[in-house]
Structures are given as C-alpha cells and as structure tokens.
Amino acid sequence: MAKKNVCRWWDETSGIKRAYDAGKLDKKWIEDYCFNGGKNCVRKQRWENEGYISPDWVLPDGTEEVEGLQSLA
C-alpha cells in the first residue's frame, strides 16, 4: 500500500476532518484531496494564497454542501 501524502492542514482545526470524523463526508473527498497532499484543494489554496478561511460547508473542490455540513460550524 502506498504511503499517504497527508495535507499539512489535516488536523482537529480542519472543518473537513471534523465533518469526516462525524460521518458527514464521504471518504472519497479525503482520499482525493486530504490524503493527496491537498493537491487541487480550493480550501488549501485560498488559505495559503489569500489567508482566507473557508466556511466548514465548503468542500475541497469549492462547492458548497450547506445542508449537511453547516451544523459543524
């Protein structure tokens, strides 16, 4: 099994990690973005380039999942 390239922002402060741990986010998001070094993650890019913290309901591809994730905010 290949070693995961975990995004440096994957920790308890991450809205995506909290959503995944709460069972509100499919594993594909984590595998495609968080365990891929944050590659192509809009949330990561906006934080590192603009200092903008995305709301918890913004998914790694930039789409919004307000109904399912807003309760985590």
Protein backbone atom coordinates (compact mmCIF):
# COMPACT_ATOMS: atom_id res chain seq x y z
CA MET A 1 0.00 0.00 0.00
CA ALA A 2 1.33 3.42 -0.95
CA LYS A 3 2.07 5.88 1.82
CA LYS A 4 -0.48 8.68 2.12
CA ASN A 5 0.65 12.21 1.38
CA VAL A 6 -1.45 13.84 4.09
CA CYS A 7 -2.21 17.55 3.71
CA ARG A 8 -0.50 19.62 6.37
CA TRP A 9 -3.84 21.17 7.32
CA TRP A 10 -5.45 17.79 8.16
CA ASP A 11 -5.92 18.24 11.92
CA GLU A 12 -8.61 18.96 14.51
CA THR A 13 -9.00 22.56 13.28
CA SER A 14 -9.99 21.34 9.80
CA GLY A 15 -13.70 21.55 9.03
CA ILE A 16 -13.23 18.75 6.51
CA LYS A 17 -11.63 16.47 9.13
CA ARG A 18 -14.39 17.23 11.64
CA ALA A 19 -17.05 16.50 9.01
CA TYR A 20 -15.38 13.23 8.06
CA ASP A 21 -14.95 12.17 11.70
CA ALA A 22 -18.65 12.93 12.30
CA GLY A 23 -19.63 10.70 9.38
CA LYS A 24 -20.95 13.60 7.28
CA LEU A 25 -18.42 13.40 4.47
CA ASP A 26 -17.67 10.56 2.08
CA LYS A 27 -14.19 9.02 2.19
CA LYS A 28 -13.61 9.92 -1.48
CA TRP A 29 -13.15 13.59 -0.51
CA ILE A 30 -10.47 12.67 1.99
CA GLU A 31 -8.65 10.31 -0.35
CA ASP A 32 -8.80 12.65 -3.37
CA TYR A 33 -7.74 15.80 -1.55
CA CYS A 34 -6.56 15.45 2.07
CA PHE A 35 -4.57 12.24 1.56
CA ASN A 36 -3.23 13.57 -1.74
CA GLY A 37 -1.24 16.36 -0.15
CA GLY A 38 -4.06 18.86 -0.63
CA LYS A 39 -3.45 18.84 -4.38
CA ASN A 40 -6.15 20.87 -6.20
CA CYS A 41 -7.88 21.68 -2.89
CA VAL A 42 -9.57 25.06 -3.18
CA ARG A 43 -9.76 25.41 0.60
CA LYS A 44 -5.97 24.90 0.95
CA GLN A 45 -5.13 27.20 -1.95
CA ARG A 46 -7.31 30.03 -0.64
CA TRP A 47 -5.81 29.75 2.85
CA GLU A 48 -2.20 29.66 1.66
CA ASN A 49 -2.57 32.29 -1.08
CA GLU A 50 -5.12 34.69 0.42
CA GLY A 51 -5.27 33.91 4.14
CA TYR A 52 -8.96 33.14 3.64
CA ILE A 53 -10.51 30.50 5.89
CA SER A 54 -13.26 28.69 4.02
CA PRO A 55 -16.51 28.05 5.90
CA ASP A 56 -16.91 24.44 7.09
CA TRP A 57 -19.55 23.74 4.44
CA VAL A 58 -17.19 24.44 1.51
CA LEU A 59 -15.88 21.17 0.06
CA PRO A 60 -12.30 20.75 -1.19
CA ASP A 61 -13.39 21.37 -4.80
CA GLY A 62 -15.01 24.68 -3.82
CA THR A 63 -18.63 23.54 -4.00
CA GLU A 64 -20.89 24.16 -1.03
CA GLU A 65 -22.70 21.49 0.98
CA VAL A 66 -24.66 23.79 3.27
CA GLU A 67 -27.34 21.31 4.37
CA GLY A 68 -25.03 18.55 5.50
CA LEU A 69 -22.05 20.43 6.91
CA GLN A 70 -23.28 23.77 8.22
CA SER A 71 -24.10 22.24 11.60
CA LEU A 72 -20.38 21.72 12.17
CA ALA A 73 -19.65 25.45 12.06
